[in-house]
Amino acid sequence: MLQHKDASIMNMRLHQVINNILKFFEGFSQGFKSRSVEFIKIEERELENIFSLLLFGSYIGIPAPPAFLSLELMPYVAKELYVLGITAERADDPLGQIAEFFEL
């Protein structure tokens, strides 16, 4: 009877250890997921900036697609124009770039 009790206690402790290990790895993976989503959002913003620059670069002298194509796409890239303006304003401000990184 005593051995059976000891075995059940050890079995219960083993389950607790396994559950703790599983919780640790779940938290670990959640941390990586949230960080990777952050990086994807940053990459998306940068791609939006590049897209805006390609479309509207002709206005500042960078070779770009024809102007009529840019004008046709303008209603779809209003947000990108706004972001491009803010990025251009903060270009010489390192503190502004850090604030933009953290979306302050």
PDB file of N, CA and C in Angstrom:
ATOM      1  N   MET A   1       0.820  -1.189   0.000  1.00  0.00           N
ATOM      2  CA  MET A   1       0.000   0.000   0.000  1.00  0.00           C
ATOM      3  C   MET A   1       0.869   1.258   0.000  1.00  0.00           C
ATOM      4  N   LEU A   2       1.938   1.225   0.798  1.00  0.00           N
ATOM      5  CA  LEU A   2       2.829   2.372   0.885  1.00  0.00           C
ATOM      6  C   LEU A   2       3.530   2.629  -0.442  1.00  0.00           C
ATOM      7  N   GLN A   3       3.932   1.562  -1.131  1.00  0.00           N
ATOM      8  CA  GLN A   3       4.585   1.727  -2.422  1.00  0.00           C
ATOM      9  C   GLN A   3       3.625   2.324  -3.442  1.00  0.00           C
ATOM     10  N   HIS A   4       2.387   1.901  -3.386  1.00  0.00           N
ATOM     11  CA  HIS A   4       1.379   2.428  -4.313  1.00  0.00           C
ATOM     12  C   HIS A   4       1.165   3.926  -4.084  1.00  0.00           C
ATOM     13  N   LYS A   5       1.162   4.324  -2.791  1.00  0.00           N
ATOM     14  CA  LYS A   5       1.000   5.738  -2.444  1.00  0.00           C
ATOM     15  C   LYS A   5       2.198   6.554  -2.931  1.00  0.00           C
ATOM     16  N   ASP A   6       3.400   6.022  -2.723  1.00  0.00           N
ATOM     17  CA  ASP A   6       4.615   6.699  -3.189  1.00  0.00           C
ATOM     18  C   ASP A   6       4.618   6.822  -4.706  1.00  0.00           C
ATOM     19  N   ALA A   7       4.188   5.770  -5.375  1.00  0.00           N
ATOM     20  CA  ALA A   7       4.150   5.801  -6.843  1.00  0.00           C
ATOM     21  C   ALA A   7       3.150   6.841  -7.332  1.00  0.00           C
ATOM     22  N   SER A   8       2.017   6.960  -6.668  1.00  0.00           N
ATOM     23  CA  SER A   8       1.023   7.952  -7.105  1.00  0.00           C
ATOM     24  C   SER A   8       1.521   9.373  -6.833  1.00  0.00           C
ATOM     25  N   ILE A   9       2.243   9.577  -5.724  1.00  0.00           N
ATOM     26  CA  ILE A   9       2.817  10.899  -5.425  1.00  0.00           C
ATOM     27  C   ILE A   9       3.871  11.253  -6.466  1.00  0.00           C
ATOM     28  N   MET A  10       4.713  10.287  -6.819  1.00  0.00           N
ATOM     29  CA  MET A  10       5.738  10.537  -7.831  1.00  0.00           C
ATOM     30  C   MET A  10       5.105  10.805  -9.189  1.00  0.00           C
ATOM     31  N   ASN A  11       4.041  10.071  -9.478  1.00  0.00           N
ATOM     32  CA  ASN A  11       3.324  10.271 -10.742  1.00  0.00           C
ATOM     33  C   ASN A  11       2.719  11.673 -10.794  1.00  0.00           C
ATOM     34  N   MET A  12       2.151  12.124  -9.653  1.00  0.00           N
ATOM     35  CA  MET A  12       1.570  13.457  -9.584  1.00  0.00           C
ATOM     36  C   MET A  12       2.659  14.526  -9.751  1.00  0.00           C
ATOM     37  N   ARG A  13       3.800  14.335  -9.130  1.00  0.00           N
ATOM     38  CA  ARG A  13       4.905  15.291  -9.252  1.00  0.00           C
ATOM     39  C   ARG A  13       5.439  15.327 -10.688  1.00  0.00           C
ATOM     40  N   LEU A  14       5.510  14.155 -11.306  1.00  0.00           N
ATOM     41  CA  LEU A  14       5.952  14.091 -12.694  1.00  0.00           C
ATOM     42  C   LEU A  14       5.005  14.880 -13.597  1.00  0.00           C
ATOM     43  N   HIS A  15       3.711  14.734 -13.369  1.00  0.00           N
ATOM     44  CA  HIS A  15       2.725  15.504 -14.149  1.00  0.00           C
ATOM     45  C   HIS A  15       2.887  17.004 -13.912  1.00  0.00           C
ATOM     46  N   GLN A  16       3.167  17.407 -12.669  1.00  0.00           N
ATOM     47  CA  GLN A  16       3.374  18.826 -12.366  1.00  0.00           C
ATOM     48  C   GLN A  16       4.606  19.359 -13.084  1.00  0.00           C
ATOM     49  N   VAL A  17       5.680  18.574 -13.082  1.00  0.00           N
ATOM     50  CA  VAL A  17       6.915  18.989 -13.756  1.00  0.00           C
ATOM     51  C   VAL A  17       6.672  19.113 -15.258  1.00  0.00           C
ATOM     52  N   ILE A  18       5.983  18.139 -15.831  1.00  0.00           N
ATOM     53  CA  ILE A  18       5.686  18.183 -17.268  1.00  0.00           C
ATOM     54  C   ILE A  18       4.802  19.381 -17.593  1.00  0.00           C
ATOM     55  N   ASN A  19       3.790  19.637 -16.761  1.00  0.00           N
ATOM     56  CA  ASN A  19       2.917  20.802 -16.989  1.00  0.00           C
ATOM     57  C   ASN A  19       3.700  22.104 -16.884  1.00  0.00           C
ATOM     58  N   ASN A  20       4.605  22.191 -15.909  1.00  0.00           N
ATOM     59  CA  ASN A  20       5.428  23.396 -15.774  1.00  0.00           C
ATOM     60  C   ASN A  20       6.328  23.594 -16.986  1.00  0.00           C
ATOM     61  N   ILE A  21       6.904  22.514 -17.495  1.00  0.00           N
ATOM     62  CA  ILE A  21       7.757  22.604 -18.685  1.00  0.00           C
ATOM     63  C   ILE A  21       6.931  23.042 -19.892  1.00  0.00           C
ATOM     64  N   LEU A  22       5.724  22.477 -20.037  1.00  0.00           N
ATOM     65  CA  LEU A  22       4.848  22.867 -21.152  1.00  0.00           C
ATOM     66  C   LEU A  22       4.454  24.343 -21.054  1.00  0.00           C
ATOM     67  N   LYS A  23       4.136  24.815 -19.851  1.00  0.00           N
ATOM     68  CA  LYS A  23       3.789  26.229 -19.666  1.00  0.00           C
ATOM     69  C   LYS A  23       4.970  27.130 -20.018  1.00  0.00           C
ATOM     70  N   PHE A  24       6.177  26.691 -19.625  1.00  0.00           N
ATOM     71  CA  PHE A  24       7.375  27.470 -19.947  1.00  0.00           C
ATOM     72  C   PHE A  24       7.532  27.614 -21.458  1.00  0.00           C
ATOM     73  N   PHE A  25       7.413  26.507 -22.185  1.00  0.00           N
ATOM     74  CA  PHE A  25       7.582  26.570 -23.631  1.00  0.00           C
ATOM     75  C   PHE A  25       6.444  27.322 -24.313  1.00  0.00           C
ATOM     76  N   GLU A  26       5.227  27.258 -23.758  1.00  0.00           N
ATOM     77  CA  GLU A  26       4.123  28.051 -24.314  1.00  0.00           C
ATOM     78  C   GLU A  26       4.409  29.540 -24.163  1.00  0.00           C
ATOM     79  N   GLY A  27       4.876  29.944 -22.984  1.00  0.00           N
ATOM     80  CA  GLY A  27       5.241  31.346 -22.766  1.00  0.00           C
ATOM     81  C   GLY A  27       6.388  31.775 -23.658  1.00  0.00           C
ATOM     82  N   PHE A  28       7.351  30.901 -23.813  1.00  0.00           N
ATOM     83  CA  PHE A  28       8.513  31.161 -24.665  1.00  0.00           C
ATOM     84  C   PHE A  28       8.066  31.386 -26.107  1.00  0.00           C
ATOM     85  N   SER A  29       7.181  30.515 -26.597  1.00  0.00           N
ATOM     86  CA  SER A  29       6.714  30.653 -27.987  1.00  0.00           C
ATOM     87  C   SER A  29       5.846  31.894 -28.146  1.00  0.00           C
ATOM     88  N   GLN A  30       5.045  32.242 -27.138  1.00  0.00           N
ATOM     89  CA  GLN A  30       4.235  33.460 -27.215  1.00  0.00           C
ATOM     90  C   GLN A  30       5.124  34.698 -27.308  1.00  0.00           C
ATOM     91  N   GLY A  31       6.221  34.694 -26.556  1.00  0.00           N
ATOM     92  CA  GLY A  31       7.159  35.818 -26.633  1.00  0.00           C
ATOM     93  C   GLY A  31       7.746  35.970 -28.021  1.00  0.00           C
ATOM     94  N   PHE A  32       8.138  34.861 -28.628  1.00  0.00           N
ATOM     95  CA  PHE A  32       8.682  34.908 -29.982  1.00  0.00           C
ATOM     96  C   PHE A  32       7.623  35.348 -30.981  1.00  0.00           C
ATOM     97  N   LYS A  33       6.390  34.867 -30.813  1.00  0.00           N
ATOM     98  CA  LYS A  33       5.316  35.244 -31.736  1.00  0.00           C
ATOM     99  C   LYS A  33       5.041  36.736 -31.668  1.00  0.00           C
ATOM    100  N   SER A  34       4.947  37.275 -30.457  1.00  0.00           N
ATOM    101  CA  SER A  34       4.643  38.706 -30.339  1.00  0.00           C
ATOM    102  C   SER A  34       5.782  39.545 -30.910  1.00  0.00           C
ATOM    103  N   ARG A  35       7.008  39.122 -30.686  1.00  0.00           N
ATOM    104  CA  ARG A  35       8.159  39.865 -31.214  1.00  0.00           C
ATOM    105  C   ARG A  35       8.211  39.780 -32.736  1.00  0.00           C
ATOM    106  N   SER A  36       7.905  38.607 -33.276  1.00  0.00           N
ATOM    107  CA  SER A  36       7.947  38.463 -34.733  1.00  0.00           C
ATOM    108  C   SER A  36       6.829  39.269 -35.388  1.00  0.00           C
ATOM    109  N   VAL A  37       5.670  39.354 -34.736  1.00  0.00           N
ATOM    110  CA  VAL A  37       4.582  40.181 -35.275  1.00  0.00           C
ATOM    111  C   VAL A  37       5.004  41.643 -35.280  1.00  0.00           C
ATOM    112  N   GLU A  38       5.710  42.072 -34.237  1.00  0.00           N
ATOM    113  CA  GLU A  38       6.227  43.449 -34.191  1.00  0.00           C
ATOM    114  C   GLU A  38       7.134  43.724 -35.381  1.00  0.00           C
ATOM    115  N   PHE A  39       8.052  42.801 -35.647  1.00  0.00           N
ATOM    116  CA  PHE A  39       8.978  42.988 -36.761  1.00  0.00           C
ATOM    117  C   PHE A  39       8.253  42.979 -38.104  1.00  0.00           C
ATOM    118  N   ILE A  40       7.227  42.177 -38.229  1.00  0.00           N
ATOM    119  CA  ILE A  40       6.456  42.154 -39.471  1.00  0.00           C
ATOM    120  C   ILE A  40       5.742  43.484 -39.675  1.00  0.00           C
ATOM    121  N   LYS A  41       5.212  44.065 -38.603  1.00  0.00           N
ATOM    122  CA  LYS A  41       4.557  45.373 -38.718  1.00  0.00           C
ATOM    123  C   LYS A  41       5.560  46.453 -39.127  1.00  0.00           C
ATOM    124  N   ILE A  42       6.757  46.401 -38.563  1.00  0.00           N
ATOM    125  CA  ILE A  42       7.796  47.370 -38.933  1.00  0.00           C
ATOM    126  C   ILE A  42       8.163  47.197 -40.398  1.00  0.00           C
ATOM    127  N   GLU A  43       8.311  45.951 -40.829  1.00  0.00           N
ATOM    128  CA  GLU A  43       8.637  45.674 -42.231  1.00  0.00           C
ATOM    129  C   GLU A  43       7.530  46.162 -43.150  1.00  0.00           C
ATOM    130  N   GLU A  44       6.275  45.991 -42.732  1.00  0.00           N
ATOM    131  CA  GLU A  44       5.151  46.467 -43.540  1.00  0.00           C
ATOM    132  C   GLU A  44       5.195  47.993 -43.699  1.00  0.00           C
ATOM    133  N   ARG A  45       5.489  48.688 -42.600  1.00  0.00           N
ATOM    134  CA  ARG A  45       5.586  50.151 -42.692  1.00  0.00           C
ATOM    135  C   ARG A  45       6.693  50.574 -43.649  1.00  0.00           C
ATOM    136  N   GLU A  46       7.830  49.885 -43.575  1.00  0.00           N
ATOM    137  CA  GLU A  46       8.932  50.219 -44.474  1.00  0.00           C
ATOM    138  C   GLU A  46       8.573  49.937 -45.930  1.00  0.00           C
ATOM    139  N   LEU A  47       7.874  48.837 -46.178  1.00  0.00           N
ATOM    140  CA  LEU A  47       7.447  48.537 -47.543  1.00  0.00           C
ATOM    141  C   LEU A  47       6.436  49.564 -48.048  1.00  0.00           C
ATOM    142  N   GLU A  48       5.571  50.047 -47.148  1.00  0.00           N
ATOM    143  CA  GLU A  48       4.640  51.113 -47.538  1.00  0.00           C
ATOM    144  C   GLU A  48       5.407  52.379 -47.921  1.00  0.00           C
ATOM    145  N   ASN A  49       6.444  52.692 -47.163  1.00  0.00           N
ATOM    146  CA  ASN A  49       7.263  53.863 -47.487  1.00  0.00           C
ATOM    147  C   ASN A  49       7.926  53.705 -48.849  1.00  0.00           C
ATOM    148  N   ILE A  50       8.464  52.534 -49.108  1.00  0.00           N
ATOM    149  CA  ILE A  50       9.123  52.290 -50.395  1.00  0.00           C
ATOM    150  C   ILE A  50       8.116  52.365 -51.529  1.00  0.00           C
ATOM    151  N   PHE A  51       6.933  51.794 -51.308  1.00  0.00           N
ATOM    152  CA  PHE A  51       5.883  51.834 -52.323  1.00  0.00           C
ATOM    153  C   PHE A  51       5.490  53.278 -52.643  1.00  0.00           C
ATOM    154  N   SER A  52       5.316  54.083 -51.597  1.00  0.00           N
ATOM    155  CA  SER A  52       4.972  55.491 -51.807  1.00  0.00           C
ATOM    156  C   SER A  52       6.077  56.218 -52.550  1.00  0.00           C
ATOM    157  N   LEU A  53       7.296  55.935 -52.187  1.00  0.00           N
ATOM    158  CA  LEU A  53       8.417  56.584 -52.855  1.00  0.00           C
ATOM    159  C   LEU A  53       8.484  56.193 -54.325  1.00  0.00           C
ATOM    160  N   LEU A  54       8.204  54.932 -54.627  1.00  0.00           N
ATOM    161  CA  LEU A  54       8.189  54.503 -56.026  1.00  0.00           C
ATOM    162  C   LEU A  54       7.072  55.198 -56.806  1.00  0.00           C
ATOM    163  N   LEU A  55       5.899  55.281 -56.187  1.00  0.00           N
ATOM    164  CA  LEU A  55       4.771  55.876 -56.894  1.00  0.00           C
ATOM    165  C   LEU A  55       4.917  57.383 -57.082  1.00  0.00           C
ATOM    166  N   PHE A  56       5.359  58.045 -56.030  1.00  0.00           N
ATOM    167  CA  PHE A  56       5.373  59.504 -56.056  1.00  0.00           C
ATOM    168  C   PHE A  56       6.776  60.089 -56.112  1.00  0.00           C
ATOM    169  N   GLY A  57       7.743  59.263 -56.435  1.00  0.00           N
ATOM    170  CA  GLY A  57       9.119  59.734 -56.536  1.00  0.00           C
ATOM    171  C   GLY A  57       9.337  60.718 -57.665  1.00  0.00           C
ATOM    172  N   SER A  58       8.488  60.661 -58.691  1.00  0.00           N
ATOM    173  CA  SER A  58       8.646  61.580 -59.818  1.00  0.00           C
ATOM    174  C   SER A  58       8.443  63.031 -59.386  1.00  0.00           C
ATOM    175  N   TYR A  59       7.712  63.238 -58.306  1.00  0.00           N
ATOM    176  CA  TYR A  59       7.483  64.605 -57.825  1.00  0.00           C
ATOM    177  C   TYR A  59       8.732  65.209 -57.190  1.00  0.00           C
ATOM    178  N   ILE A  60       9.673  64.344 -56.804  1.00  0.00           N
ATOM    179  CA  ILE A  60      10.909  64.862 -56.214  1.00  0.00           C
ATOM    180  C   ILE A  60      12.122  64.545 -57.073  1.00  0.00           C
ATOM    181  N   GLY A  61      11.897  64.025 -58.282  1.00  0.00           N
ATOM    182  CA  GLY A  61      12.988  63.821 -59.219  1.00  0.00           C
ATOM    183  C   GLY A  61      13.523  62.412 -59.319  1.00  0.00           C
ATOM    184  N   ILE A  62      12.915  61.449 -58.621  1.00  0.00           N
ATOM    185  CA  ILE A  62      13.343  60.056 -58.723  1.00  0.00           C
ATOM    186  C   ILE A  62      12.563  59.405 -59.863  1.00  0.00           C
ATOM    187  N   PRO A  63      13.227  58.701 -60.770  1.00  0.00           N
ATOM    188  CA  PRO A  63      12.487  58.034 -61.843  1.00  0.00           C
ATOM    189  C   PRO A  63      11.448  57.081 -61.251  1.00  0.00           C
ATOM    190  N   ALA A  64      10.245  57.155 -61.771  1.00  0.00           N
ATOM    191  CA  ALA A  64       9.133  56.384 -61.216  1.00  0.00           C
ATOM    192  C   ALA A  64       8.172  55.995 -62.331  1.00  0.00           C
ATOM    193  N   PRO A  65       7.117  55.265 -61.996  1.00  0.00           N
ATOM    194  CA  PRO A  65       6.116  54.922 -63.003  1.00  0.00           C
ATOM    195  C   PRO A  65       5.485  56.187 -63.596  1.00  0.00           C
ATOM    196  N   PRO A  66       4.805  56.047 -64.722  1.00  0.00           N
ATOM    197  CA  PRO A  66       4.180  57.216 -65.343  1.00  0.00           C
ATOM    198  C   PRO A  66       3.237  57.938 -64.384  1.00  0.00           C
ATOM    199  N   ALA A  67       3.119  59.236 -64.561  1.00  0.00           N
ATOM    200  CA  ALA A  67       2.319  60.066 -63.643  1.00  0.00           C
ATOM    201  C   ALA A  67       0.855  59.651 -63.639  1.00  0.00           C
ATOM    202  N   PHE A  68       0.287  59.258 -64.794  1.00  0.00           N
ATOM    203  CA  PHE A  68      -1.132  58.893 -64.809  1.00  0.00           C
ATOM    204  C   PHE A  68      -1.391  57.658 -63.931  1.00  0.00           C
ATOM    205  N   LEU A  69      -0.427  56.744 -63.897  1.00  0.00           N
ATOM    206  CA  LEU A  69      -0.577  55.569 -63.041  1.00  0.00           C
ATOM    207  C   LEU A  69      -0.541  55.982 -61.573  1.00  0.00           C
ATOM    208  N   SER A  70       0.346  56.883 -61.241  1.00  0.00           N
ATOM    209  CA  SER A  70       0.424  57.385 -59.868  1.00  0.00           C
ATOM    210  C   SER A  70      -0.872  58.072 -59.463  1.00  0.00           C
ATOM    211  N   LEU A  71      -1.442  58.861 -60.363  1.00  0.00           N
ATOM    212  CA  LEU A  71      -2.684  59.564 -60.049  1.00  0.00           C
ATOM    213  C   LEU A  71      -3.854  58.599 -59.907  1.00  0.00           C
ATOM    214  N   GLU A  72      -3.865  57.535 -60.688  1.00  0.00           N
ATOM    215  CA  GLU A  72      -4.939  56.550 -60.560  1.00  0.00           C
ATOM    216  C   GLU A  72      -4.848  55.789 -59.240  1.00  0.00           C
ATOM    217  N   LEU A  73      -3.652  55.563 -58.764  1.00  0.00           N
ATOM    218  CA  LEU A  73      -3.469  54.820 -57.515  1.00  0.00           C
ATOM    219  C   LEU A  73      -3.552  55.703 -56.270  1.00  0.00           C
ATOM    220  N   MET A  74      -3.584  57.008 -56.434  1.00  0.00           N
ATOM    221  CA  MET A  74      -3.556  57.930 -55.303  1.00  0.00           C
ATOM    222  C   MET A  74      -4.662  57.680 -54.274  1.00  0.00           C
ATOM    223  N   PRO A  75      -5.912  57.412 -54.668  1.00  0.00           N
ATOM    224  CA  PRO A  75      -6.934  57.181 -53.629  1.00  0.00           C
ATOM    225  C   PRO A  75      -6.634  55.965 -52.750  1.00  0.00           C
ATOM    226  N   TYR A  76      -5.891  55.017 -53.267  1.00  0.00           N
ATOM    227  CA  TYR A  76      -5.602  53.805 -52.509  1.00  0.00           C
ATOM    228  C   TYR A  76      -4.397  53.948 -51.594  1.00  0.00           C
ATOM    229  N   VAL A  77      -3.635  54.997 -51.761  1.00  0.00           N
ATOM    230  CA  VAL A  77      -2.407  55.152 -50.976  1.00  0.00           C
ATOM    231  C   VAL A  77      -2.418  56.422 -50.133  1.00  0.00           C
ATOM    232  N   ALA A  78      -3.597  56.867 -49.740  1.00  0.00           N
ATOM    233  CA  ALA A  78      -3.685  58.083 -48.922  1.00  0.00           C
ATOM    234  C   ALA A  78      -2.943  57.904 -47.600  1.00  0.00           C
ATOM    235  N   LYS A  79      -3.112  56.741 -46.964  1.00  0.00           N
ATOM    236  CA  LYS A  79      -2.425  56.484 -45.691  1.00  0.00           C
ATOM    237  C   LYS A  79      -0.915  56.496 -45.885  1.00  0.00           C
ATOM    238  N   GLU A  80      -0.456  55.919 -46.988  1.00  0.00           N
ATOM    239  CA  GLU A  80       0.979  55.872 -47.246  1.00  0.00           C
ATOM    240  C   GLU A  80       1.559  57.271 -47.444  1.00  0.00           C
ATOM    241  N   LEU A  81       0.781  58.139 -48.074  1.00  0.00           N
ATOM    242  CA  LEU A  81       1.241  59.529 -48.247  1.00  0.00           C
ATOM    243  C   LEU A  81       1.389  60.219 -46.900  1.00  0.00           C
ATOM    244  N   TYR A  82       0.444  59.983 -46.029  1.00  0.00           N
ATOM    245  CA  TYR A  82       0.509  60.567 -44.696  1.00  0.00           C
ATOM    246  C   TYR A  82       1.747  60.051 -43.949  1.00  0.00           C
ATOM    247  N   VAL A  83       1.959  58.744 -44.003  1.00  0.00           N
ATOM    248  CA  VAL A  83       3.127  58.138 -43.346  1.00  0.00           C
ATOM    249  C   VAL A  83       4.416  58.658 -43.964  1.00  0.00           C
ATOM    250  N   LEU A  84       4.435  58.801 -45.284  1.00  0.00           N
ATOM    251  CA  LEU A  84       5.616  59.320 -45.966  1.00  0.00           C
ATOM    252  C   LEU A  84       5.924  60.743 -45.517  1.00  0.00           C
ATOM    253  N   GLY A  85       4.887  61.558 -45.361  1.00  0.00           N
ATOM    254  CA  GLY A  85       5.099  62.928 -44.883  1.00  0.00           C
ATOM    255  C   GLY A  85       5.666  62.973 -43.482  1.00  0.00           C
ATOM    256  N   ILE A  86       5.121  62.140 -42.597  1.00  0.00           N
ATOM    257  CA  ILE A  86       5.615  62.103 -41.220  1.00  0.00           C
ATOM    258  C   ILE A  86       7.058  61.602 -41.187  1.00  0.00           C
ATOM    259  N   THR A  87       7.346  60.577 -41.975  1.00  0.00           N
ATOM    260  CA  THR A  87       8.705  60.036 -42.015  1.00  0.00           C
ATOM    261  C   THR A  87       9.681  61.075 -42.544  1.00  0.00           C
ATOM    262  N   ALA A  88       9.270  61.844 -43.546  1.00  0.00           N
ATOM    263  CA  ALA A  88      10.140  62.882 -44.091  1.00  0.00           C
ATOM    264  C   ALA A  88      10.383  63.985 -43.070  1.00  0.00           C
ATOM    265  N   GLU A  89       9.365  64.320 -42.285  1.00  0.00           N
ATOM    266  CA  GLU A  89       9.541  65.354 -41.260  1.00  0.00           C
ATOM    267  C   GLU A  89      10.506  64.905 -40.171  1.00  0.00           C
ATOM    268  N   ARG A  90      10.475  63.633 -39.842  1.00  0.00           N
ATOM    269  CA  ARG A  90      11.314  63.113 -38.756  1.00  0.00           C
ATOM    270  C   ARG A  90      12.642  62.557 -39.249  1.00  0.00           C
ATOM    271  N   ALA A  91      12.960  62.714 -40.520  1.00  0.00           N
ATOM    272  CA  ALA A  91      14.154  62.099 -41.097  1.00  0.00           C
ATOM    273  C   ALA A  91      15.439  62.563 -40.420  1.00  0.00           C
ATOM    274  N   ASP A  92      15.512  63.822 -40.037  1.00  0.00           N
ATOM    275  CA  ASP A  92      16.726  64.342 -39.411  1.00  0.00           C
ATOM    276  C   ASP A  92      16.652  64.304 -37.896  1.00  0.00           C
ATOM    277  N   ASP A  93      15.598  63.718 -37.358  1.00  0.00           N
ATOM    278  CA  ASP A  93      15.388  63.695 -35.920  1.00  0.00           C
ATOM    279  C   ASP A  93      15.492  62.267 -35.399  1.00  0.00           C
ATOM    280  N   PRO A  94      16.665  61.882 -34.845  1.00  0.00           N
ATOM    281  CA  PRO A  94      16.815  60.505 -34.370  1.00  0.00           C
ATOM    282  C   PRO A  94      15.824  60.145 -33.265  1.00  0.00           C
ATOM    283  N   LEU A  95      15.500  61.118 -32.424  1.00  0.00           N
ATOM    284  CA  LEU A  95      14.536  60.866 -31.361  1.00  0.00           C
ATOM    285  C   LEU A  95      13.152  60.612 -31.956  1.00  0.00           C
ATOM    286  N   GLY A  96      12.845  61.319 -33.036  1.00  0.00           N
ATOM    287  CA  GLY A  96      11.587  61.103 -33.730  1.00  0.00           C
ATOM    288  C   GLY A  96      11.505  59.725 -34.356  1.00  0.00           C
ATOM    289  N   GLN A  97      12.629  59.233 -34.865  1.00  0.00           N
ATOM    290  CA  GLN A  97      12.645  57.891 -35.439  1.00  0.00           C
ATOM    291  C   GLN A  97      12.416  56.828 -34.365  1.00  0.00           C
ATOM    292  N   ILE A  98      13.001  57.049 -33.193  1.00  0.00           N
ATOM    293  CA  ILE A  98      12.782  56.106 -32.097  1.00  0.00           C
ATOM    294  C   ILE A  98      11.319  56.147 -31.671  1.00  0.00           C
ATOM    295  N   ALA A  99      10.751  57.346 -31.588  1.00  0.00           N
ATOM    296  CA  ALA A  99       9.345  57.474 -31.223  1.00  0.00           C
ATOM    297  C   ALA A  99       8.445  56.805 -32.266  1.00  0.00           C
ATOM    298  N   GLU A 100       8.816  56.915 -33.523  1.00  0.00           N
ATOM    299  CA  GLU A 100       8.037  56.254 -34.578  1.00  0.00           C
ATOM    300  C   GLU A 100       8.154  54.753 -34.462  1.00  0.00           C
ATOM    301  N   PHE A 101       9.320  54.259 -34.093  1.00  0.00           N
ATOM    302  CA  PHE A 101       9.520  52.818 -33.913  1.00  0.00           C
ATOM    303  C   PHE A 101       8.584  52.276 -32.850  1.00  0.00           C
ATOM    304  N   PHE A 102       8.421  53.026 -31.757  1.00  0.00           N
ATOM    305  CA  PHE A 102       7.551  52.596 -30.670  1.00  0.00           C
ATOM    306  C   PHE A 102       6.138  53.141 -30.803  1.00  0.00           C
ATOM    307  N   GLU A 103       5.847  53.818 -31.922  1.00  0.00           N
ATOM    308  CA  GLU A 103       4.537  54.401 -32.234  1.00  0.00           C
ATOM    309  C   GLU A 103       4.043  55.295 -31.111  1.00  0.00           C
ATOM    310  N   LEU A 104       4.909  56.202 -30.649  1.00  0.00           N
ATOM    311  CA  LEU A 104       4.522  57.154 -29.596  1.00  0.00           C
ATOM    312  C   LEU A 104       3.905  58.397 -30.163  1.00  0.00           C
TER     313      LEU A 104
END
